[in-house]
N, C-alpha and C. Protein backbone atom coordinates (compact mmCIF):
# COMPACT_ATOMS: atom_id res chain seq x y z
N UNK A 1 0.83 -1.19 0.00
CA UNK A 1 0.00 0.00 0.00
C UNK A 1 0.88 1.25 0.00
N UNK A 2 0.52 2.22 -0.79
CA UNK A 2 1.26 3.46 -0.93
C UNK A 2 1.02 4.37 0.27
N UNK A 3 2.06 5.02 0.76
CA UNK A 3 1.95 5.95 1.88
C UNK A 3 1.48 7.30 1.35
N UNK A 4 0.32 7.74 1.78
CA UNK A 4 -0.25 9.00 1.31
C UNK A 4 -0.22 10.09 2.37
N UNK A 5 0.64 9.98 3.39
CA UNK A 5 0.63 10.95 4.47
C UNK A 5 0.99 12.36 4.01
N UNK A 6 1.93 12.49 3.06
CA UNK A 6 2.29 13.81 2.56
C UNK A 6 1.13 14.43 1.79
N UNK A 7 0.48 13.65 0.94
CA UNK A 7 -0.64 14.19 0.19
C UNK A 7 -1.80 14.50 1.13
N UNK A 8 -1.99 13.69 2.16
CA UNK A 8 -3.04 13.94 3.15
C UNK A 8 -2.78 15.25 3.87
N UNK A 9 -1.54 15.48 4.29
CA UNK A 9 -1.19 16.73 4.97
C UNK A 9 -1.41 17.93 4.05
N UNK A 10 -1.09 17.78 2.78
CA UNK A 10 -1.29 18.87 1.82
C UNK A 10 -2.78 19.18 1.67
N UNK A 11 -3.60 18.15 1.59
CA UNK A 11 -5.05 18.34 1.45
C UNK A 11 -5.62 19.02 2.70
N UNK A 12 -5.19 18.56 3.87
CA UNK A 12 -5.74 19.10 5.13
C UNK A 12 -5.24 20.51 5.41
N UNK A 13 -4.11 20.90 4.89
CA UNK A 13 -3.61 22.27 4.95
C UNK A 13 -3.77 22.91 6.33
N UNK A 14 -3.22 22.26 7.34
CA UNK A 14 -3.23 22.83 8.68
C UNK A 14 -4.38 22.41 9.57
N UNK A 15 -5.34 21.67 9.06
CA UNK A 15 -6.44 21.18 9.89
C UNK A 15 -5.88 20.03 10.73
N UNK A 16 -5.85 20.19 12.04
CA UNK A 16 -5.19 19.21 12.90
C UNK A 16 -6.15 18.29 13.64
N UNK A 17 -7.43 18.63 13.68
CA UNK A 17 -8.42 17.74 14.30
C UNK A 17 -9.80 18.19 13.88
N UNK A 18 -10.78 17.35 14.15
CA UNK A 18 -12.16 17.67 13.82
C UNK A 18 -12.68 16.80 12.69
N UNK A 19 -13.62 17.33 11.93
CA UNK A 19 -14.29 16.62 10.86
C UNK A 19 -14.14 17.38 9.56
N UNK A 20 -14.00 16.67 8.44
CA UNK A 20 -13.84 17.30 7.14
C UNK A 20 -14.74 16.63 6.09
N UNK A 21 -15.11 17.41 5.09
CA UNK A 21 -15.75 16.90 3.89
C UNK A 21 -14.74 17.07 2.77
N UNK A 22 -14.32 15.96 2.18
CA UNK A 22 -13.30 15.97 1.14
C UNK A 22 -13.96 15.63 -0.19
N UNK A 23 -13.48 16.25 -1.28
CA UNK A 23 -14.03 15.97 -2.61
C UNK A 23 -13.90 14.49 -2.94
N UNK A 24 -14.73 14.04 -3.89
CA UNK A 24 -14.71 12.63 -4.29
C UNK A 24 -13.33 12.17 -4.75
N UNK A 25 -12.57 13.07 -5.38
CA UNK A 25 -11.25 12.71 -5.86
C UNK A 25 -10.15 12.89 -4.80
N UNK A 26 -10.55 13.25 -3.59
CA UNK A 26 -9.63 13.44 -2.46
C UNK A 26 -8.55 14.48 -2.72
N UNK A 27 -8.90 15.53 -3.45
CA UNK A 27 -7.91 16.56 -3.77
C UNK A 27 -8.04 17.82 -2.94
N UNK A 28 -9.21 18.05 -2.31
CA UNK A 28 -9.34 19.24 -1.47
C UNK A 28 -10.47 19.08 -0.46
N UNK A 29 -10.38 19.90 0.58
CA UNK A 29 -11.39 19.93 1.64
C UNK A 29 -12.47 20.93 1.24
N UNK A 30 -13.72 20.48 1.27
CA UNK A 30 -14.84 21.36 0.95
C UNK A 30 -15.38 22.08 2.19
N UNK A 31 -15.29 21.42 3.34
CA UNK A 31 -15.77 22.01 4.59
C UNK A 31 -15.07 21.31 5.76
N UNK A 32 -14.95 22.01 6.87
CA UNK A 32 -14.43 21.38 8.09
C UNK A 32 -15.05 22.04 9.31
N UNK A 33 -15.05 21.31 10.43
CA UNK A 33 -15.60 21.82 11.68
C UNK A 33 -15.07 20.97 12.83
N UNK A 34 -15.23 21.49 14.03
CA UNK A 34 -14.78 20.78 15.22
C UNK A 34 -15.67 19.56 15.51
N UNK A 35 -16.97 19.69 15.26
CA UNK A 35 -17.89 18.60 15.55
C UNK A 35 -18.60 18.14 14.27
N UNK A 36 -19.08 16.93 14.29
CA UNK A 36 -19.82 16.41 13.14
C UNK A 36 -21.10 17.21 12.92
N UNK A 37 -21.77 17.56 13.99
CA UNK A 37 -23.02 18.34 13.89
C UNK A 37 -22.76 19.67 13.19
N UNK A 38 -21.69 20.34 13.54
CA UNK A 38 -21.36 21.63 12.91
C UNK A 38 -20.94 21.42 11.46
N UNK A 39 -20.23 20.33 11.17
CA UNK A 39 -19.85 20.06 9.79
C UNK A 39 -21.09 19.88 8.92
N UNK A 40 -22.06 19.15 9.42
CA UNK A 40 -23.29 18.94 8.65
C UNK A 40 -23.99 20.26 8.37
N UNK A 41 -24.02 21.15 9.36
CA UNK A 41 -24.60 22.48 9.15
C UNK A 41 -23.83 23.24 8.07
N UNK A 42 -22.49 23.17 8.12
CA UNK A 42 -21.66 23.85 7.13
C UNK A 42 -21.91 23.29 5.73
N UNK A 43 -22.06 21.98 5.64
CA UNK A 43 -22.32 21.34 4.35
C UNK A 43 -23.67 21.80 3.80
N UNK A 44 -24.67 21.86 4.65
CA UNK A 44 -25.99 22.32 4.22
C UNK A 44 -25.94 23.77 3.73
N UNK A 45 -25.18 24.62 4.41
CA UNK A 45 -25.04 26.02 3.99
C UNK A 45 -24.36 26.15 2.64
N UNK A 46 -23.52 25.17 2.29
CA UNK A 46 -22.81 25.20 1.01
C UNK A 46 -23.60 24.50 -0.10
N UNK A 47 -24.83 24.11 0.19
CA UNK A 47 -25.66 23.50 -0.84
C UNK A 47 -25.47 22.00 -0.99
N UNK A 48 -25.00 21.34 0.06
CA UNK A 48 -24.81 19.89 0.08
C UNK A 48 -23.91 19.35 -1.03
N UNK A 49 -22.67 19.86 -1.12
CA UNK A 49 -21.77 19.32 -2.14
C UNK A 49 -21.44 17.86 -1.85
N UNK A 50 -21.16 17.10 -2.90
CA UNK A 50 -20.85 15.69 -2.73
C UNK A 50 -19.40 15.51 -2.32
N UNK A 51 -19.16 14.52 -1.47
CA UNK A 51 -17.82 14.21 -1.02
C UNK A 51 -17.87 13.17 0.07
N UNK A 52 -16.75 12.98 0.73
CA UNK A 52 -16.63 12.00 1.80
C UNK A 52 -16.36 12.71 3.11
N UNK A 53 -17.11 12.31 4.15
CA UNK A 53 -16.89 12.86 5.48
C UNK A 53 -15.88 11.98 6.20
N UNK A 54 -14.89 12.62 6.82
CA UNK A 54 -13.86 11.90 7.56
C UNK A 54 -13.56 12.64 8.85
N UNK A 55 -13.08 11.89 9.82
CA UNK A 55 -12.61 12.50 11.06
C UNK A 55 -11.10 12.67 10.94
N UNK A 56 -10.60 13.77 11.46
CA UNK A 56 -9.16 14.02 11.50
C UNK A 56 -8.74 13.83 12.95
N UNK A 57 -8.05 12.74 13.24
CA UNK A 57 -7.66 12.51 14.64
C UNK A 57 -6.62 13.52 15.09
N UNK A 58 -6.69 13.95 16.34
CA UNK A 58 -5.66 14.87 16.84
C UNK A 58 -4.30 14.18 16.85
N UNK A 59 -3.25 14.98 16.85
CA UNK A 59 -1.90 14.42 16.84
C UNK A 59 -1.66 13.54 18.06
N UNK A 60 -2.20 13.92 19.20
CA UNK A 60 -2.03 13.14 20.42
C UNK A 60 -3.38 12.61 20.86
N UNK A 61 -3.63 11.36 20.62
CA UNK A 61 -4.89 10.77 21.06
C UNK A 61 -4.62 9.64 22.05
N UNK A 62 -3.59 9.83 22.89
CA UNK A 62 -3.21 8.81 23.86
C UNK A 62 -4.30 8.61 24.93
N UNK A 63 -5.15 9.63 25.12
CA UNK A 63 -6.21 9.49 26.13
C UNK A 63 -7.52 8.97 25.52
N UNK A 64 -7.47 8.59 24.23
CA UNK A 64 -8.66 8.09 23.55
C UNK A 64 -9.14 6.79 24.18
N UNK A 65 -10.43 6.74 24.44
CA UNK A 65 -11.06 5.51 24.94
C UNK A 65 -12.18 5.17 23.99
N UNK A 66 -12.13 4.05 23.37
CA UNK A 66 -13.18 3.78 22.41
C UNK A 66 -13.43 2.36 22.23
C-alpha cells in the first residue's frame, strides 16, 4: 500500500483535528468543523456538495477511549 501521508497533509492544509468533507477525488477539503453536527450544518449552507466525510484525529490521542 502506498503511503499518502504527505498528500493527506497537503489536502488538510493545517487542519489538525475535527471533521472534514473531502471531494470525491480526495484533492481538497470542501468544509471542516470541530464537531460532526457543525460540519453537517456547514455542508448544508454550502448546498450539500458531494464528497466523503472523515474524522481528522488529533496528533495526540493517547487518552482516547473507544
